Each structure stands twice: as structure tokens, then as C-alpha cells.
């Protein structure tokens, strides 16, 4: 619990790693204390903290048994597995429906380098009554807005106004659940970022909390080498 709030962490692990070519969540990073450390285990372990009341991991039917073995049987982590959906937003919605907390943290399972201190910093926005906030890193290069069909630049975003979204993202659970339902009812083409739903369907402000540069998302196989380098650096710090 965080002060008077009950907190549910929803970690989305329901993807099938189509762009990666194999199950990236079971790839091994640098060993921790001479023991193999999978991406999914590294990610989930970061959320085992006093401030978080429950951890929900959304999974695909294809990999459910494998994740159950890793998380529940081998590591004995306090998690609940929930079947995800065909799309990322449907997995997040299933997690929302299963959650009990009044506040949710939604996180990508393939972002294993989230520091507990950053989770606590994100939770601190609740102290000022915020209902929505995300971790994000300031853009260091100019971001171009492009017509996806013609590949022609339509605008340039000012760097001082541009941030790269990360996870976890924090929301009042009822607020986000209601907005999800409204978006689905209106046939909204939901993208991969939950905070966009708040911006599209609510006047509630979404706050930015500065994220770490190494809170990377592992998407392609080439990202694995970067992730292993980050993992080695983390282990060297300990």
C-alpha cells in the first residue's frame, strides 16, 4: 500500500514476440549472483515491494505454462497470471478487470530495467492528487511527424517539448477502466500507450516523471545485446 492507496501492478507479458523471432521474455540476461535471470523474472521482481499490494502478469495461452513454472514454481513470486488478449490493449484491459487496487501501474514485461526508486517516484504523484502519470525520457534528437503512406515530413517537434514515453504508467483504476470501455464502445483505434486514452477521452491531466535512460524496451533481437550490456553494468554496480 502507498499511504492510503492500494496499488496493483499490471505487467503485460501476453505478446508472442513476432518481431523478435522467439520468446524474448525467456531470454537470459547477465547472470545475477551466478544464477540465470530471464527478462520476465527481472521485470516482475522489480515490482515486489511493500508499496505494491498485488502483481498481475498478463500472459498468452501459448506461454502460460512456461511463465507459471518460472514465476510461481521456481521463483515463488507473489503474482497472479491472467490471460491476455489478441492485442496489447486487450491484455491491459483484462489486467484492469482483474485488479483490486484503486491505483494501477501498467508496465511492459520487456522493460526489465525499471528501478524500484523510479516506481516510488511515480507513486509520489498521488500525493498531489494526480490521477494519471507516466515515466518518460526527454528527447535528445528532433522528432519528425511523418505521413505514414507517403513518408513525407509533416511537422517537426521541438525537442524541449518532446518526451519518449516509458512504463510503468500510473492511473486511477476506475478512471482508466471507464475510459477503456468508452473507447471500445466508440470503436477507437487504441494504440499501445494507455496515457493517450486519458488525453483523448478525459480532461484529466497526465503528468510526466523523468525516467531513466536505461529503462529500455526490448523489441528486436538486436536490442538483446544492448539489454545484456545494461544488465552487466547493473550487476557491476551491486
C-alpha atoms as a PDB file:
ATOM      1  CA  UNK A   1       0.000   0.000   0.000  1.00  0.00           C
ATOM      2  CA  UNK A   2       1.156   3.523  -0.749  1.00  0.00           C
ATOM      3  CA  UNK A   3      -0.181   5.737   2.036  1.00  0.00           C
ATOM      4  CA  UNK A   4      -3.982   5.409   1.699  1.00  0.00           C
ATOM      5  CA  UNK A   5      -3.887   3.888  -1.800  1.00  0.00           C
ATOM      6  CA  UNK A   6      -3.973   0.217  -2.730  1.00  0.00           C
ATOM      7  CA  UNK A   7      -1.677  -0.410  -5.686  1.00  0.00           C
ATOM      8  CA  UNK A   8      -1.973  -3.055  -8.392  1.00  0.00           C
ATOM      9  CA  UNK A   9       0.888  -3.605 -10.829  1.00  0.00           C
ATOM     10  CA  UNK A  10      -0.156  -4.994 -14.213  1.00  0.00           C
ATOM     11  CA  UNK A  11       2.790  -6.347 -16.197  1.00  0.00           C
ATOM     12  CA  UNK A  12       1.948  -7.100 -19.811  1.00  0.00           C
ATOM     13  CA  UNK A  13       3.641 -10.326 -20.940  1.00  0.00           C
ATOM     14  CA  UNK A  14       0.977 -11.598 -23.334  1.00  0.00           C
ATOM     15  CA  UNK A  15       2.829 -10.880 -26.581  1.00  0.00           C
ATOM     16  CA  UNK A  16       4.137 -13.651 -28.825  1.00  0.00           C
ATOM     17  CA  UNK A  17       7.383 -11.850 -29.798  1.00  0.00           C
ATOM     18  CA  UNK A  18       6.647 -11.914 -33.538  1.00  0.00           C
ATOM     19  CA  UNK A  19       9.215  -9.201 -34.364  1.00  0.00           C
ATOM     20  CA  UNK A  20      11.836 -10.818 -32.152  1.00  0.00           C
ATOM     21  CA  UNK A  21      11.585 -14.264 -33.709  1.00  0.00           C
ATOM     22  CA  UNK A  22      11.352 -16.267 -30.462  1.00  0.00           C
ATOM     23  CA  UNK A  23      10.073 -15.739 -26.930  1.00  0.00           C
ATOM     24  CA  UNK A  24      12.118 -12.751 -25.776  1.00  0.00           C
ATOM     25  CA  UNK A  25      10.759 -12.850 -22.231  1.00  0.00           C
ATOM     26  CA  UNK A  26      12.596 -16.089 -21.536  1.00  0.00           C
ATOM     27  CA  UNK A  27      15.901 -14.823 -22.905  1.00  0.00           C
ATOM     28  CA  UNK A  28      18.625 -14.725 -20.257  1.00  0.00           C
ATOM     29  CA  UNK A  29      20.370 -11.500 -19.351  1.00  0.00           C
ATOM     30  CA  UNK A  30      23.640 -11.299 -17.435  1.00  0.00           C
ATOM     31  CA  UNK A  31      23.501 -13.740 -14.536  1.00  0.00           C
ATOM     32  CA  UNK A  32      22.600 -12.317 -11.146  1.00  0.00           C
ATOM     33  CA  UNK A  33      24.651 -13.863  -8.326  1.00  0.00           C
ATOM     34  CA  UNK A  34      25.730 -16.581 -10.769  1.00  0.00           C
ATOM     35  CA  UNK A  35      22.136 -17.621 -11.437  1.00  0.00           C
ATOM     36  CA  UNK A  36      20.358 -17.302 -14.829  1.00  0.00           C
ATOM     37  CA  UNK A  37      17.998 -14.323 -14.892  1.00  0.00           C
ATOM     38  CA  UNK A  38      15.316 -14.246 -17.562  1.00  0.00           C
ATOM     39  CA  UNK A  39      13.815 -10.995 -18.791  1.00  0.00           C
ATOM     40  CA  UNK A  40      10.389 -11.809 -17.349  1.00  0.00           C
ATOM     41  CA  UNK A  41      11.862 -12.674 -13.943  1.00  0.00           C
ATOM     42  CA  UNK A  42      13.954  -9.491 -13.876  1.00  0.00           C
ATOM     43  CA  UNK A  43      10.928  -7.350 -14.729  1.00  0.00           C
ATOM     44  CA  UNK A  44       8.491  -8.922 -12.290  1.00  0.00           C
ATOM     45  CA  UNK A  45      10.968  -8.957  -9.391  1.00  0.00           C
ATOM     46  CA  UNK A  46      11.307  -5.164  -9.621  1.00  0.00           C
ATOM     47  CA  UNK A  47       7.677  -4.803  -8.515  1.00  0.00           C
ATOM     48  CA  UNK A  48       7.956  -6.967  -5.408  1.00  0.00           C
ATOM     49  CA  UNK A  49       7.966  -4.117  -2.907  1.00  0.00           C
ATOM     50  CA  UNK A  50       5.971  -3.008   0.123  1.00  0.00           C
ATOM     51  CA  UNK A  51       4.155  -0.251  -1.786  1.00  0.00           C
ATOM     52  CA  UNK A  52       2.567  -2.694  -4.236  1.00  0.00           C
ATOM     53  CA  UNK A  53      -0.332  -4.825  -2.999  1.00  0.00           C
ATOM     54  CA  UNK A  54      -0.681  -7.181  -5.942  1.00  0.00           C
ATOM     55  CA  UNK A  55       1.151  -8.071  -9.134  1.00  0.00           C
ATOM     56  CA  UNK A  56      -0.858  -9.227 -12.134  1.00  0.00           C
ATOM     57  CA  UNK A  57       1.005 -10.666 -15.103  1.00  0.00           C
ATOM     58  CA  UNK A  58      -0.961 -10.919 -18.343  1.00  0.00           C
ATOM     59  CA  UNK A  59       0.132 -13.924 -20.383  1.00  0.00           C
ATOM     60  CA  UNK A  60      -0.673 -15.665 -23.643  1.00  0.00           C
ATOM     61  CA  UNK A  61      -2.160 -19.151 -23.592  1.00  0.00           C
ATOM     62  CA  UNK A  62       0.859 -20.301 -25.604  1.00  0.00           C
ATOM     63  CA  UNK A  63       3.377 -19.434 -22.869  1.00  0.00           C
ATOM     64  CA  UNK A  64       1.241 -19.601 -19.728  1.00  0.00           C
ATOM     65  CA  UNK A  65       2.640 -22.924 -18.506  1.00  0.00           C
ATOM     66  CA  UNK A  66       6.217 -21.738 -19.055  1.00  0.00           C
ATOM     67  CA  UNK A  67       5.662 -18.492 -17.130  1.00  0.00           C
ATOM     68  CA  UNK A  68       3.882 -20.357 -14.357  1.00  0.00           C
ATOM     69  CA  UNK A  69       6.940 -22.574 -13.968  1.00  0.00           C
ATOM     70  CA  UNK A  70       9.355 -19.608 -13.902  1.00  0.00           C
ATOM     71  CA  UNK A  71       7.404 -17.188 -11.726  1.00  0.00           C
ATOM     72  CA  UNK A  72       5.329 -19.371  -9.427  1.00  0.00           C
ATOM     73  CA  UNK A  73       7.062 -22.718  -9.115  1.00  0.00           C
ATOM     74  CA  UNK A  74      10.743 -21.790  -9.382  1.00  0.00           C
ATOM     75  CA  UNK A  75      10.868 -18.234  -8.011  1.00  0.00           C
ATOM     76  CA  UNK A  76       7.692 -18.402  -5.905  1.00  0.00           C
ATOM     77  CA  UNK A  77       6.872 -14.780  -6.658  1.00  0.00           C
ATOM     78  CA  UNK A  78       3.564 -13.347  -5.356  1.00  0.00           C
ATOM     79  CA  UNK A  79       1.918 -12.916  -8.753  1.00  0.00           C
ATOM     80  CA  UNK A  80      -1.408 -13.687 -10.375  1.00  0.00           C
ATOM     81  CA  UNK A  81      -1.421 -14.818 -14.012  1.00  0.00           C
ATOM     82  CA  UNK A  82      -4.260 -13.531 -16.200  1.00  0.00           C
ATOM     83  CA  UNK A  83      -4.826 -14.473 -19.825  1.00  0.00           C
ATOM     84  CA  UNK A  84      -4.259 -11.565 -22.189  1.00  0.00           C
ATOM     85  CA  UNK A  85      -5.985 -10.769 -25.453  1.00  0.00           C
ATOM     86  CA  UNK A  86      -5.143 -10.726 -29.143  1.00  0.00           C
ATOM     87  CA  UNK A  87      -3.940  -7.117 -28.894  1.00  0.00           C
ATOM     88  CA  UNK A  88      -1.843  -5.372 -26.278  1.00  0.00           C
ATOM     89  CA  UNK A  89      -4.697  -3.088 -25.175  1.00  0.00           C
ATOM     90  CA  UNK A  90      -6.998  -6.082 -24.648  1.00  0.00           C
ATOM     91  CA  UNK A  91      -4.364  -7.650 -22.395  1.00  0.00           C
ATOM     92  CA  UNK A  92      -4.137  -4.440 -20.372  1.00  0.00           C
ATOM     93  CA  UNK A  93      -7.946  -4.376 -20.131  1.00  0.00           C
ATOM     94  CA  UNK A  94      -8.037  -7.960 -18.847  1.00  0.00           C
ATOM     95  CA  UNK A  95      -5.461  -6.977 -16.251  1.00  0.00           C
ATOM     96  CA  UNK A  96      -7.520  -3.945 -15.251  1.00  0.00           C
ATOM     97  CA  UNK A  97     -10.620  -6.065 -14.774  1.00  0.00           C
ATOM     98  CA  UNK A  98      -8.686  -8.487 -12.559  1.00  0.00           C
ATOM     99  CA  UNK A  99      -7.032  -5.773 -10.465  1.00  0.00           C
ATOM    100  CA  UNK A 100      -8.284  -4.870  -6.986  1.00  0.00           C
ATOM    101  CA  UNK A 101      -6.286  -1.706  -6.286  1.00  0.00           C
ATOM    102  CA  UNK A 102      -7.672   1.792  -6.622  1.00  0.00           C
ATOM    103  CA  UNK A 103      -4.455   2.702  -8.480  1.00  0.00           C
ATOM    104  CA  UNK A 104      -2.786   0.658 -11.226  1.00  0.00           C
ATOM    105  CA  UNK A 105       0.727   0.682 -12.620  1.00  0.00           C
ATOM    106  CA  UNK A 106       0.815  -0.711 -16.165  1.00  0.00           C
ATOM    107  CA  UNK A 107       4.222  -1.896 -17.314  1.00  0.00           C
ATOM    108  CA  UNK A 108       5.752  -3.588 -20.356  1.00  0.00           C
ATOM    109  CA  UNK A 109       7.135  -7.002 -19.486  1.00  0.00           C
ATOM    110  CA  UNK A 110      10.020  -6.361 -21.871  1.00  0.00           C
ATOM    111  CA  UNK A 111      11.270  -3.368 -19.874  1.00  0.00           C
ATOM    112  CA  UNK A 112      13.371  -5.217 -17.275  1.00  0.00           C
ATOM    113  CA  UNK A 113      15.453  -2.225 -16.170  1.00  0.00           C
ATOM    114  CA  UNK A 114      12.942  -0.381 -14.050  1.00  0.00           C
ATOM    115  CA  UNK A 115      14.398   0.760 -10.745  1.00  0.00           C
ATOM    116  CA  UNK A 116      12.194   0.458  -7.640  1.00  0.00           C
ATOM    117  CA  UNK A 117      13.193   4.047  -6.794  1.00  0.00           C
ATOM    118  CA  UNK A 118      11.531   5.204 -10.028  1.00  0.00           C
ATOM    119  CA  UNK A 119       8.388   3.266  -9.194  1.00  0.00           C
ATOM    120  CA  UNK A 120       8.265   5.074  -5.839  1.00  0.00           C
ATOM    121  CA  UNK A 121       8.864   8.415  -7.553  1.00  0.00           C
ATOM    122  CA  UNK A 122       5.976   7.719  -9.917  1.00  0.00           C
ATOM    123  CA  UNK A 123       3.722   6.796  -6.994  1.00  0.00           C
ATOM    124  CA  UNK A 124       4.563  10.106  -5.312  1.00  0.00           C
ATOM    125  CA  UNK A 125       2.383  11.966  -7.857  1.00  0.00           C
ATOM    126  CA  UNK A 126      -0.551  10.634  -5.835  1.00  0.00           C
ATOM    127  CA  UNK A 127       0.498  12.972  -3.034  1.00  0.00           C
ATOM    128  CA  UNK A 128      -0.681  15.938  -5.101  1.00  0.00           C
ATOM    129  CA  UNK A 129      -3.905  14.305  -6.238  1.00  0.00           C
ATOM    130  CA  UNK A 130      -2.779  13.235  -9.719  1.00  0.00           C
ATOM    131  CA  UNK A 131      -4.920  10.591 -11.420  1.00  0.00           C
ATOM    132  CA  UNK A 132      -2.545   9.794 -14.286  1.00  0.00           C
ATOM    133  CA  UNK A 133       1.211   9.967 -14.807  1.00  0.00           C
ATOM    134  CA  UNK A 134       3.886   8.216 -16.823  1.00  0.00           C
ATOM    135  CA  UNK A 135       7.617   7.780 -16.839  1.00  0.00           C
ATOM    136  CA  UNK A 136       9.213   9.377 -19.894  1.00  0.00           C
ATOM    137  CA  UNK A 137      12.650  10.461 -21.054  1.00  0.00           C
ATOM    138  CA  UNK A 138      13.379  13.809 -22.665  1.00  0.00           C
ATOM    139  CA  UNK A 139      14.044  13.550 -26.406  1.00  0.00           C
ATOM    140  CA  UNK A 140      17.651  14.261 -27.320  1.00  0.00           C
ATOM    141  CA  UNK A 141      17.071  14.361 -31.076  1.00  0.00           C
ATOM    142  CA  UNK A 142      14.449  16.144 -33.156  1.00  0.00           C
ATOM    143  CA  UNK A 143      11.341  14.026 -33.688  1.00  0.00           C
ATOM    144  CA  UNK A 144       9.672  14.230 -37.093  1.00  0.00           C
ATOM    145  CA  UNK A 145       5.964  13.752 -37.659  1.00  0.00           C
ATOM    146  CA  UNK A 146       5.553  11.850 -40.932  1.00  0.00           C
ATOM    147  CA  UNK A 147       2.731  10.870 -43.263  1.00  0.00           C
ATOM    148  CA  UNK A 148       2.841   7.068 -42.896  1.00  0.00           C
ATOM    149  CA  UNK A 149       1.766   6.491 -46.508  1.00  0.00           C
ATOM    150  CA  UNK A 150       3.983   8.948 -48.382  1.00  0.00           C
ATOM    151  CA  UNK A 151       6.815   9.077 -45.807  1.00  0.00           C
ATOM    152  CA  UNK A 152       6.793  12.873 -46.145  1.00  0.00           C
ATOM    153  CA  UNK A 153       7.562  15.015 -43.098  1.00  0.00           C
ATOM    154  CA  UNK A 154       4.526  16.992 -41.964  1.00  0.00           C
ATOM    155  CA  UNK A 155       5.947  18.606 -38.839  1.00  0.00           C
ATOM    156  CA  UNK A 156       8.975  18.787 -36.565  1.00  0.00           C
ATOM    157  CA  UNK A 157       8.502  18.566 -32.828  1.00  0.00           C
ATOM    158  CA  UNK A 158      10.549  20.885 -30.644  1.00  0.00           C
ATOM    159  CA  UNK A 159      12.983  18.922 -28.523  1.00  0.00           C
ATOM    160  CA  UNK A 160      12.153  20.857 -25.370  1.00  0.00           C
ATOM    161  CA  UNK A 161       8.520  19.771 -25.806  1.00  0.00           C
ATOM    162  CA  UNK A 162       9.218  16.151 -26.777  1.00  0.00           C
ATOM    163  CA  UNK A 163       9.394  13.158 -24.465  1.00  0.00           C
ATOM    164  CA  UNK A 164       9.691   9.445 -25.186  1.00  0.00           C
ATOM    165  CA  UNK A 165       7.067   7.508 -23.256  1.00  0.00           C
ATOM    166  CA  UNK A 166       8.128   4.693 -20.967  1.00  0.00           C
ATOM    167  CA  UNK A 167       6.402   2.443 -18.485  1.00  0.00           C
ATOM    168  CA  UNK A 168       5.189   1.978 -15.849  1.00  0.00           C
ATOM    169  CA  UNK A 169       2.270   4.295 -16.354  1.00  0.00           C
ATOM    170  CA  UNK A 170       0.067   5.153 -13.379  1.00  0.00           C
ATOM    171  CA  UNK A 171      -3.700   5.594 -13.417  1.00  0.00           C
ATOM    172  CA  UNK A 172      -6.694   5.713 -11.177  1.00  0.00           C
ATOM    173  CA  UNK A 173      -8.075   2.263 -11.976  1.00  0.00           C
ATOM    174  CA  UNK A 174     -11.742   3.266 -12.252  1.00  0.00           C
ATOM    175  CA  UNK A 175     -10.867   6.248 -14.455  1.00  0.00           C
ATOM    176  CA  UNK A 176      -8.887   4.119 -16.896  1.00  0.00           C
ATOM    177  CA  UNK A 177     -11.398   1.273 -16.877  1.00  0.00           C
ATOM    178  CA  UNK A 178     -14.268   3.640 -17.702  1.00  0.00           C
ATOM    179  CA  UNK A 179     -12.232   5.252 -20.477  1.00  0.00           C
ATOM    180  CA  UNK A 180     -11.306   1.880 -21.958  1.00  0.00           C
ATOM    181  CA  UNK A 181     -14.977   0.971 -22.134  1.00  0.00           C
ATOM    182  CA  UNK A 182     -15.868   4.305 -23.754  1.00  0.00           C
ATOM    183  CA  UNK A 183     -13.066   3.905 -26.303  1.00  0.00           C
ATOM    184  CA  UNK A 184     -14.176   0.389 -27.192  1.00  0.00           C
ATOM    185  CA  UNK A 185     -17.817   1.481 -27.491  1.00  0.00           C
ATOM    186  CA  UNK A 186     -16.765   4.228 -29.929  1.00  0.00           C
ATOM    187  CA  UNK A 187     -14.535   1.929 -31.967  1.00  0.00           C
ATOM    188  CA  UNK A 188     -11.428   3.934 -31.151  1.00  0.00           C
ATOM    189  CA  UNK A 189      -8.276   2.502 -32.686  1.00  0.00           C
ATOM    190  CA  UNK A 190      -6.424   2.043 -29.413  1.00  0.00           C
ATOM    191  CA  UNK A 191      -2.660   2.371 -29.661  1.00  0.00           C
ATOM    192  CA  UNK A 192      -0.019   0.893 -27.396  1.00  0.00           C
ATOM    193  CA  UNK A 193       0.102   3.774 -24.915  1.00  0.00           C
ATOM    194  CA  UNK A 194      -2.594   3.902 -22.242  1.00  0.00           C
ATOM    195  CA  UNK A 195      -1.942   7.547 -21.423  1.00  0.00           C
ATOM    196  CA  UNK A 196      -3.177   8.525 -24.891  1.00  0.00           C
ATOM    197  CA  UNK A 197      -6.610   7.227 -23.932  1.00  0.00           C
ATOM    198  CA  UNK A 198      -6.700   9.614 -20.992  1.00  0.00           C
ATOM    199  CA  UNK A 199      -5.775  12.517 -23.274  1.00  0.00           C
ATOM    200  CA  UNK A 200      -8.378  11.541 -25.884  1.00  0.00           C
ATOM    201  CA  UNK A 201     -11.336  10.788 -23.623  1.00  0.00           C
ATOM    202  CA  UNK A 202     -10.751  12.823 -20.463  1.00  0.00           C
ATOM    203  CA  UNK A 203      -9.771  16.297 -19.336  1.00  0.00           C
ATOM    204  CA  UNK A 204      -7.644  14.732 -16.592  1.00  0.00           C
ATOM    205  CA  UNK A 205      -4.004  15.875 -16.931  1.00  0.00           C
ATOM    206  CA  UNK A 206      -1.304  13.255 -17.451  1.00  0.00           C
ATOM    207  CA  UNK A 207       1.912  14.148 -15.649  1.00  0.00           C
ATOM    208  CA  UNK A 208       5.477  13.303 -16.667  1.00  0.00           C
ATOM    209  CA  UNK A 209       8.004  11.828 -14.245  1.00  0.00           C
ATOM    210  CA  UNK A 210      11.531  11.723 -15.640  1.00  0.00           C
ATOM    211  CA  UNK A 211      12.526   8.158 -16.425  1.00  0.00           C
ATOM    212  CA  UNK A 212      15.946   6.535 -16.619  1.00  0.00           C
ATOM    213  CA  UNK A 213      17.671   6.319 -19.985  1.00  0.00           C
ATOM    214  CA  UNK A 214      18.351   2.619 -19.450  1.00  0.00           C
ATOM    215  CA  UNK A 215      14.647   1.790 -18.968  1.00  0.00           C
ATOM    216  CA  UNK A 216      14.698   0.373 -22.488  1.00  0.00           C
ATOM    217  CA  UNK A 217      12.102  -1.754 -24.249  1.00  0.00           C
ATOM    218  CA  UNK A 218      13.378  -4.955 -25.843  1.00  0.00           C
ATOM    219  CA  UNK A 219      11.612  -5.271 -29.187  1.00  0.00           C
ATOM    220  CA  UNK A 220      14.061  -6.592 -31.761  1.00  0.00           C
ATOM    221  CA  UNK A 221      16.767  -9.238 -31.460  1.00  0.00           C
ATOM    222  CA  UNK A 222      19.384  -6.512 -31.819  1.00  0.00           C
ATOM    223  CA  UNK A 223      18.043  -4.971 -28.581  1.00  0.00           C
ATOM    224  CA  UNK A 224      19.160  -8.040 -26.658  1.00  0.00           C
ATOM    225  CA  UNK A 225      22.851  -7.141 -26.938  1.00  0.00           C
ATOM    226  CA  UNK A 226      22.073  -3.668 -25.550  1.00  0.00           C
ATOM    227  CA  UNK A 227      20.000  -5.196 -22.754  1.00  0.00           C
ATOM    228  CA  UNK A 228      22.796  -7.553 -21.780  1.00  0.00           C
ATOM    229  CA  UNK A 229      25.238  -4.644 -21.671  1.00  0.00           C
ATOM    230  CA  UNK A 230      22.866  -2.719 -19.383  1.00  0.00           C
ATOM    231  CA  UNK A 231      22.418  -5.816 -17.229  1.00  0.00           C
ATOM    232  CA  UNK A 232      26.197  -6.231 -16.907  1.00  0.00           C
ATOM    233  CA  UNK A 233      26.516  -2.589 -15.860  1.00  0.00           C
ATOM    234  CA  UNK A 234      23.769  -3.037 -13.253  1.00  0.00           C
ATOM    235  CA  UNK A 235      25.465  -6.106 -11.814  1.00  0.00           C
ATOM    236  CA  UNK A 236      28.756  -4.221 -11.630  1.00  0.00           C
ATOM    237  CA  UNK A 237      27.043  -1.526  -9.528  1.00  0.00           C
ATOM    238  CA  UNK A 238      25.921  -4.057  -6.908  1.00  0.00           C
END
